[in-house]
Amino acid sequence: MNKFKGAVTIASSMVLASVPLLAFGQIGAGGESIPSGFQSVTGFRNFITSIGNFLFAILLVIAVIFIIFAAYKYLVSGGDPEKVKSASNTLLYALVAVVVALLARGLVSLVKTFVSTSVPGT
């Protein structure tokens, strides 16, 4: 029963932490409206950028939550090697999430570079 209570607490914390991100559904971070379709290359580029920014924010929020959770697990481990190893694994997975978030940000920049290049002679 204790494990279920902890999982519910973590899940509810993650939901509450992601609520501010819902504000980006109507207006982009810079005040511009998010494009509704792919009428041009610029519309596609803006769409890819907004998806990348959203994924970056979500992954960073989740990583911070898990870093805090790993610290909590270290504090309550009481020196038990199995619990310390579990906390270490949680911290490792959180760091992997940060790396994935940074790679997502880099991938968006890479796609924007390829999409925004103009064809010579046009």
N, C-alpha and C. Protein backbone atom coordinates (compact mmCIF):
# COMPACT_ATOMS: atom_id res chain seq x y z
N MET A 1 0.82 -1.19 0.00
CA MET A 1 0.00 0.00 0.00
C MET A 1 0.86 1.26 0.00
N ASN A 2 2.01 1.21 0.71
CA ASN A 2 2.91 2.36 0.76
C ASN A 2 3.47 2.70 -0.61
N LYS A 3 3.82 1.68 -1.40
CA LYS A 3 4.38 1.94 -2.73
C LYS A 3 3.34 2.61 -3.62
N PHE A 4 2.09 2.18 -3.51
CA PHE A 4 1.04 2.78 -4.32
C PHE A 4 0.82 4.24 -3.94
N LYS A 5 0.88 4.54 -2.66
CA LYS A 5 0.70 5.91 -2.19
C LYS A 5 1.81 6.82 -2.73
N GLY A 6 3.04 6.32 -2.74
CA GLY A 6 4.16 7.10 -3.27
C GLY A 6 4.02 7.34 -4.77
N ALA A 7 3.55 6.33 -5.50
CA ALA A 7 3.37 6.49 -6.95
C ALA A 7 2.29 7.51 -7.26
N VAL A 8 1.23 7.51 -6.48
CA VAL A 8 0.15 8.49 -6.68
C VAL A 8 0.67 9.89 -6.38
N THR A 9 1.47 10.03 -5.34
CA THR A 9 2.03 11.33 -5.00
C THR A 9 2.93 11.84 -6.11
N ILE A 10 3.77 10.99 -6.66
CA ILE A 10 4.67 11.40 -7.74
C ILE A 10 3.87 11.76 -8.99
N ALA A 11 2.88 10.95 -9.33
CA ALA A 11 2.08 11.22 -10.51
C ALA A 11 1.32 12.54 -10.38
N SER A 12 0.76 12.79 -9.21
CA SER A 12 0.02 14.04 -9.03
C SER A 12 0.97 15.23 -9.05
N SER A 13 2.17 15.08 -8.54
CA SER A 13 3.15 16.16 -8.59
C SER A 13 3.55 16.47 -10.03
N MET A 14 3.70 15.42 -10.84
CA MET A 14 4.07 15.63 -12.24
C MET A 14 2.95 16.34 -12.99
N VAL A 15 1.72 15.98 -12.71
CA VAL A 15 0.58 16.64 -13.37
C VAL A 15 0.52 18.11 -12.97
N LEU A 16 0.68 18.38 -11.67
CA LEU A 16 0.63 19.77 -11.21
C LEU A 16 1.79 20.59 -11.77
N ALA A 17 2.96 19.97 -11.93
CA ALA A 17 4.11 20.69 -12.46
C ALA A 17 3.94 21.02 -13.93
N SER A 18 3.16 20.22 -14.66
CA SER A 18 2.99 20.46 -16.09
C SER A 18 1.82 21.39 -16.41
N VAL A 19 1.03 21.78 -15.44
CA VAL A 19 -0.13 22.66 -15.69
C VAL A 19 0.28 23.99 -16.31
N PRO A 20 1.36 24.66 -15.87
CA PRO A 20 1.71 25.93 -16.52
C PRO A 20 2.02 25.79 -18.01
N LEU A 21 2.42 24.61 -18.45
CA LEU A 21 2.73 24.42 -19.85
C LEU A 21 1.48 24.44 -20.73
N LEU A 22 0.32 24.26 -20.14
CA LEU A 22 -0.92 24.31 -20.90
C LEU A 22 -1.18 25.71 -21.46
N ALA A 23 -0.58 26.70 -20.88
CA ALA A 23 -0.77 28.07 -21.34
C ALA A 23 -0.21 28.28 -22.74
N PHE A 24 0.71 27.43 -23.16
CA PHE A 24 1.29 27.57 -24.49
C PHE A 24 0.38 27.02 -25.59
N GLY A 25 -0.79 26.53 -25.24
CA GLY A 25 -1.70 25.99 -26.23
C GLY A 25 -2.28 27.05 -27.14
N GLN A 26 -2.43 28.27 -26.67
CA GLN A 26 -3.04 29.33 -27.45
C GLN A 26 -2.03 30.28 -28.07
N ILE A 27 -1.03 30.65 -27.31
CA ILE A 27 -0.06 31.64 -27.77
C ILE A 27 1.33 31.12 -27.52
N GLY A 28 2.23 31.31 -28.48
CA GLY A 28 3.61 30.90 -28.32
C GLY A 28 4.32 31.72 -27.27
N ALA A 29 5.53 31.32 -26.94
CA ALA A 29 6.28 31.97 -25.86
C ALA A 29 6.56 33.44 -26.17
N GLY A 30 6.72 33.80 -27.44
CA GLY A 30 7.02 35.18 -27.79
C GLY A 30 5.79 36.01 -28.07
N GLY A 31 4.60 35.48 -27.86
CA GLY A 31 3.38 36.21 -28.11
C GLY A 31 2.77 35.95 -29.48
N GLU A 32 3.50 35.25 -30.36
CA GLU A 32 2.97 34.97 -31.69
C GLU A 32 2.02 33.78 -31.61
N SER A 33 1.05 33.76 -32.52
CA SER A 33 0.10 32.65 -32.51
C SER A 33 0.75 31.44 -33.16
N ILE A 34 0.41 30.26 -32.67
CA ILE A 34 0.96 29.03 -33.19
C ILE A 34 0.26 28.72 -34.50
N PRO A 35 1.03 28.36 -35.55
CA PRO A 35 0.42 28.13 -36.86
C PRO A 35 -0.54 26.95 -36.83
N SER A 36 -1.62 27.06 -37.62
CA SER A 36 -2.62 26.01 -37.64
C SER A 36 -2.37 24.99 -38.74
N GLY A 37 -1.48 25.27 -39.65
CA GLY A 37 -1.23 24.34 -40.73
C GLY A 37 0.13 24.55 -41.35
N PHE A 38 0.39 23.81 -42.40
CA PHE A 38 1.68 23.90 -43.07
C PHE A 38 1.50 24.61 -44.41
N GLN A 39 1.11 25.89 -44.39
CA GLN A 39 0.92 26.63 -45.62
C GLN A 39 2.25 26.97 -46.29
N SER A 40 3.31 27.01 -45.50
CA SER A 40 4.61 27.35 -46.07
C SER A 40 5.70 26.65 -45.27
N VAL A 41 6.92 26.81 -45.73
CA VAL A 41 8.06 26.25 -45.02
C VAL A 41 8.19 26.91 -43.65
N THR A 42 7.88 28.19 -43.57
CA THR A 42 7.95 28.90 -42.30
C THR A 42 6.95 28.33 -41.30
N GLY A 43 5.75 27.99 -41.77
CA GLY A 43 4.75 27.38 -40.90
C GLY A 43 5.21 26.04 -40.37
N PHE A 44 5.84 25.24 -41.24
CA PHE A 44 6.36 23.94 -40.82
C PHE A 44 7.49 24.13 -39.82
N ARG A 45 8.37 25.09 -40.09
CA ARG A 45 9.49 25.36 -39.19
C ARG A 45 8.99 25.82 -37.82
N ASN A 46 7.98 26.67 -37.80
CA ASN A 46 7.41 27.12 -36.53
C ASN A 46 6.75 25.97 -35.78
N PHE A 47 6.10 25.07 -36.51
CA PHE A 47 5.47 23.91 -35.89
C PHE A 47 6.52 23.01 -35.25
N ILE A 48 7.59 22.73 -35.96
CA ILE A 48 8.68 21.90 -35.43
C ILE A 48 9.30 22.58 -34.21
N THR A 49 9.48 23.89 -34.27
CA THR A 49 10.06 24.62 -33.14
C THR A 49 9.15 24.53 -31.91
N SER A 50 7.85 24.69 -32.11
CA SER A 50 6.94 24.64 -30.95
C SER A 50 6.91 23.25 -30.34
N ILE A 51 6.96 22.20 -31.15
CA ILE A 51 7.01 20.84 -30.61
C ILE A 51 8.31 20.62 -29.85
N GLY A 52 9.42 21.07 -30.40
CA GLY A 52 10.70 20.92 -29.72
C GLY A 52 10.75 21.66 -28.40
N ASN A 53 10.23 22.87 -28.38
CA ASN A 53 10.20 23.64 -27.13
C ASN A 53 9.32 22.96 -26.08
N PHE A 54 8.19 22.41 -26.51
CA PHE A 54 7.30 21.72 -25.59
C PHE A 54 7.97 20.48 -25.00
N LEU A 55 8.58 19.67 -25.87
CA LEU A 55 9.28 18.47 -25.39
C LEU A 55 10.43 18.83 -24.45
N PHE A 56 11.15 19.89 -24.78
CA PHE A 56 12.26 20.32 -23.94
C PHE A 56 11.77 20.69 -22.55
N ALA A 57 10.69 21.45 -22.49
CA ALA A 57 10.15 21.87 -21.19
C ALA A 57 9.63 20.68 -20.39
N ILE A 58 8.91 19.78 -21.04
CA ILE A 58 8.35 18.61 -20.35
C ILE A 58 9.48 17.73 -19.81
N LEU A 59 10.47 17.45 -20.62
CA LEU A 59 11.56 16.58 -20.17
C LEU A 59 12.36 17.21 -19.04
N LEU A 60 12.56 18.51 -19.09
CA LEU A 60 13.29 19.14 -17.99
C LEU A 60 12.48 19.13 -16.68
N VAL A 61 11.17 19.33 -16.79
CA VAL A 61 10.33 19.28 -15.59
C VAL A 61 10.37 17.88 -14.98
N ILE A 62 10.25 16.86 -15.82
CA ILE A 62 10.30 15.49 -15.33
C ILE A 62 11.66 15.17 -14.72
N ALA A 63 12.74 15.65 -15.35
CA ALA A 63 14.08 15.39 -14.83
C ALA A 63 14.28 16.03 -13.46
N VAL A 64 13.81 17.24 -13.28
CA VAL A 64 13.93 17.91 -11.98
C VAL A 64 13.14 17.16 -10.91
N ILE A 65 11.96 16.69 -11.26
CA ILE A 65 11.15 15.93 -10.30
C ILE A 65 11.89 14.66 -9.89
N PHE A 66 12.49 13.98 -10.85
CA PHE A 66 13.19 12.75 -10.51
C PHE A 66 14.49 13.00 -9.76
N ILE A 67 15.15 14.11 -10.01
CA ILE A 67 16.35 14.44 -9.23
C ILE A 67 15.97 14.68 -7.77
N ILE A 68 14.87 15.38 -7.55
CA ILE A 68 14.40 15.60 -6.19
C ILE A 68 13.99 14.28 -5.55
N PHE A 69 13.33 13.42 -6.30
CA PHE A 69 12.93 12.11 -5.79
C PHE A 69 14.16 11.26 -5.45
N ALA A 70 15.22 11.32 -6.28
CA ALA A 70 16.45 10.57 -5.99
C ALA A 70 17.10 11.09 -4.72
N ALA A 71 17.09 12.40 -4.51
CA ALA A 71 17.65 12.96 -3.28
C ALA A 71 16.86 12.48 -2.07
N TYR A 72 15.55 12.42 -2.20
CA TYR A 72 14.71 11.92 -1.11
C TYR A 72 15.05 10.45 -0.81
N LYS A 73 15.23 9.66 -1.88
CA LYS A 73 15.56 8.25 -1.68
C LYS A 73 16.92 8.09 -0.98
N TYR A 74 17.88 8.95 -1.31
CA TYR A 74 19.17 8.92 -0.62
C TYR A 74 19.00 9.24 0.86
N LEU A 75 18.19 10.23 1.15
CA LEU A 75 18.01 10.66 2.53
C LEU A 75 17.35 9.60 3.39
N VAL A 76 16.41 8.87 2.85
CA VAL A 76 15.69 7.88 3.65
C VAL A 76 16.28 6.48 3.52
N SER A 77 17.39 6.33 2.81
CA SER A 77 17.97 5.00 2.61
C SER A 77 18.55 4.42 3.90
N GLY A 78 19.01 5.26 4.79
CA GLY A 78 19.56 4.78 6.06
C GLY A 78 20.82 3.95 5.89
N GLY A 79 21.54 4.13 4.81
CA GLY A 79 22.78 3.40 4.58
C GLY A 79 22.59 2.02 3.98
N ASP A 80 21.35 1.62 3.71
CA ASP A 80 21.09 0.32 3.09
C ASP A 80 21.62 0.33 1.66
N PRO A 81 22.57 -0.57 1.33
CA PRO A 81 23.18 -0.54 -0.01
C PRO A 81 22.18 -0.70 -1.15
N GLU A 82 21.15 -1.49 -0.95
CA GLU A 82 20.15 -1.70 -1.99
C GLU A 82 19.36 -0.41 -2.27
N LYS A 83 19.01 0.30 -1.21
CA LYS A 83 18.27 1.55 -1.38
C LYS A 83 19.15 2.64 -1.98
N VAL A 84 20.43 2.65 -1.60
CA VAL A 84 21.36 3.64 -2.17
C VAL A 84 21.54 3.37 -3.66
N LYS A 85 21.63 2.09 -4.03
CA LYS A 85 21.77 1.74 -5.44
C LYS A 85 20.51 2.15 -6.22
N SER A 86 19.34 1.98 -5.62
CA SER A 86 18.10 2.40 -6.27
C SER A 86 18.07 3.91 -6.47
N ALA A 87 18.53 4.65 -5.46
CA ALA A 87 18.59 6.11 -5.58
C ALA A 87 19.58 6.52 -6.66
N SER A 88 20.70 5.82 -6.74
CA SER A 88 21.69 6.12 -7.78
C SER A 88 21.12 5.89 -9.17
N ASN A 89 20.37 4.81 -9.32
CA ASN A 89 19.75 4.53 -10.62
C ASN A 89 18.72 5.60 -10.98
N THR A 90 17.96 6.04 -10.01
CA THR A 90 16.98 7.10 -10.26
C THR A 90 17.68 8.38 -10.72
N LEU A 91 18.78 8.73 -10.06
CA LEU A 91 19.54 9.92 -10.44
C LEU A 91 20.12 9.76 -11.84
N LEU A 92 20.61 8.57 -12.16
CA LEU A 92 21.16 8.30 -13.49
C LEU A 92 20.08 8.48 -14.56
N TYR A 93 18.89 7.96 -14.31
CA TYR A 93 17.81 8.10 -15.29
C TYR A 93 17.40 9.56 -15.45
N ALA A 94 17.45 10.32 -14.38
CA ALA A 94 17.13 11.75 -14.47
C ALA A 94 18.16 12.47 -15.33
N LEU A 95 19.41 12.12 -15.16
CA LEU A 95 20.45 12.75 -15.99
C LEU A 95 20.31 12.35 -17.45
N VAL A 96 19.92 11.12 -17.70
CA VAL A 96 19.67 10.69 -19.07
C VAL A 96 18.52 11.50 -19.67
N ALA A 97 17.50 11.80 -18.87
CA ALA A 97 16.39 12.63 -19.35
C ALA A 97 16.86 14.03 -19.73
N VAL A 98 17.79 14.59 -18.96
CA VAL A 98 18.33 15.91 -19.29
C VAL A 98 19.09 15.85 -20.61
N VAL A 99 19.87 14.80 -20.80
CA VAL A 99 20.62 14.64 -22.05
C VAL A 99 19.66 14.50 -23.23
N VAL A 100 18.60 13.72 -23.05
CA VAL A 100 17.61 13.56 -24.12
C VAL A 100 16.94 14.90 -24.44
N ALA A 101 16.65 15.68 -23.41
CA ALA A 101 16.04 17.00 -23.63
C ALA A 101 16.99 17.90 -24.42
N LEU A 102 18.26 17.88 -24.09
CA LEU A 102 19.23 18.70 -24.82
C LEU A 102 19.39 18.21 -26.26
N LEU A 103 19.34 16.90 -26.47
CA LEU A 103 19.41 16.37 -27.83
C LEU A 103 18.16 16.76 -28.63
N ALA A 104 17.01 16.78 -27.98
CA ALA A 104 15.79 17.21 -28.67
C ALA A 104 15.91 18.66 -29.10
N ARG A 105 16.47 19.49 -28.24
CA ARG A 105 16.67 20.91 -28.58
C ARG A 105 17.64 21.04 -29.76
N GLY A 106 18.70 20.25 -29.74
CA GLY A 106 19.67 20.28 -30.84
C GLY A 106 19.09 19.77 -32.14
N LEU A 107 18.25 18.74 -32.05
CA LEU A 107 17.62 18.20 -33.25
C LEU A 107 16.70 19.22 -33.90
N VAL A 108 15.99 19.96 -33.09
CA VAL A 108 15.12 21.01 -33.62
C VAL A 108 15.94 22.06 -34.36
N SER A 109 17.06 22.46 -33.79
CA SER A 109 17.93 23.44 -34.46
C SER A 109 18.48 22.88 -35.77
N LEU A 110 18.81 21.60 -35.77
CA LEU A 110 19.33 20.97 -36.98
C LEU A 110 18.26 20.93 -38.08
N VAL A 111 17.04 20.55 -37.72
CA VAL A 111 15.95 20.52 -38.71
C VAL A 111 15.66 21.92 -39.22
N LYS A 112 15.66 22.92 -38.33
CA LYS A 112 15.42 24.30 -38.76
C LYS A 112 16.49 24.76 -39.75
N THR A 113 17.73 24.35 -39.52
CA THR A 113 18.81 24.74 -40.43
C THR A 113 18.59 24.14 -41.82
N PHE A 114 18.21 22.86 -41.88
CA PHE A 114 18.00 22.23 -43.18
C PHE A 114 16.76 22.77 -43.88
N VAL A 115 15.72 23.06 -43.15
CA VAL A 115 14.47 23.54 -43.76
C VAL A 115 14.62 24.99 -44.23
N SER A 116 15.38 25.80 -43.49
CA SER A 116 15.46 27.22 -43.82
C SER A 116 16.50 27.54 -44.87
N THR A 117 17.31 26.59 -45.30
CA THR A 117 18.30 26.89 -46.33
C THR A 117 17.59 27.08 -47.66
N SER A 118 18.04 28.06 -48.39
CA SER A 118 17.41 28.34 -49.70
C SER A 118 18.15 27.60 -50.80
N VAL A 119 17.43 27.31 -51.86
CA VAL A 119 18.01 26.61 -53.01
C VAL A 119 18.68 27.66 -53.88
N PRO A 120 19.96 27.43 -54.26
CA PRO A 120 20.64 28.41 -55.11
C PRO A 120 19.95 28.56 -56.47
N GLY A 121 19.89 29.78 -56.95
CA GLY A 121 19.33 30.05 -58.27
C GLY A 121 17.83 30.30 -58.25
N THR A 122 17.22 30.37 -57.06
CA THR A 122 15.77 30.64 -57.03
C THR A 122 15.50 31.98 -56.44
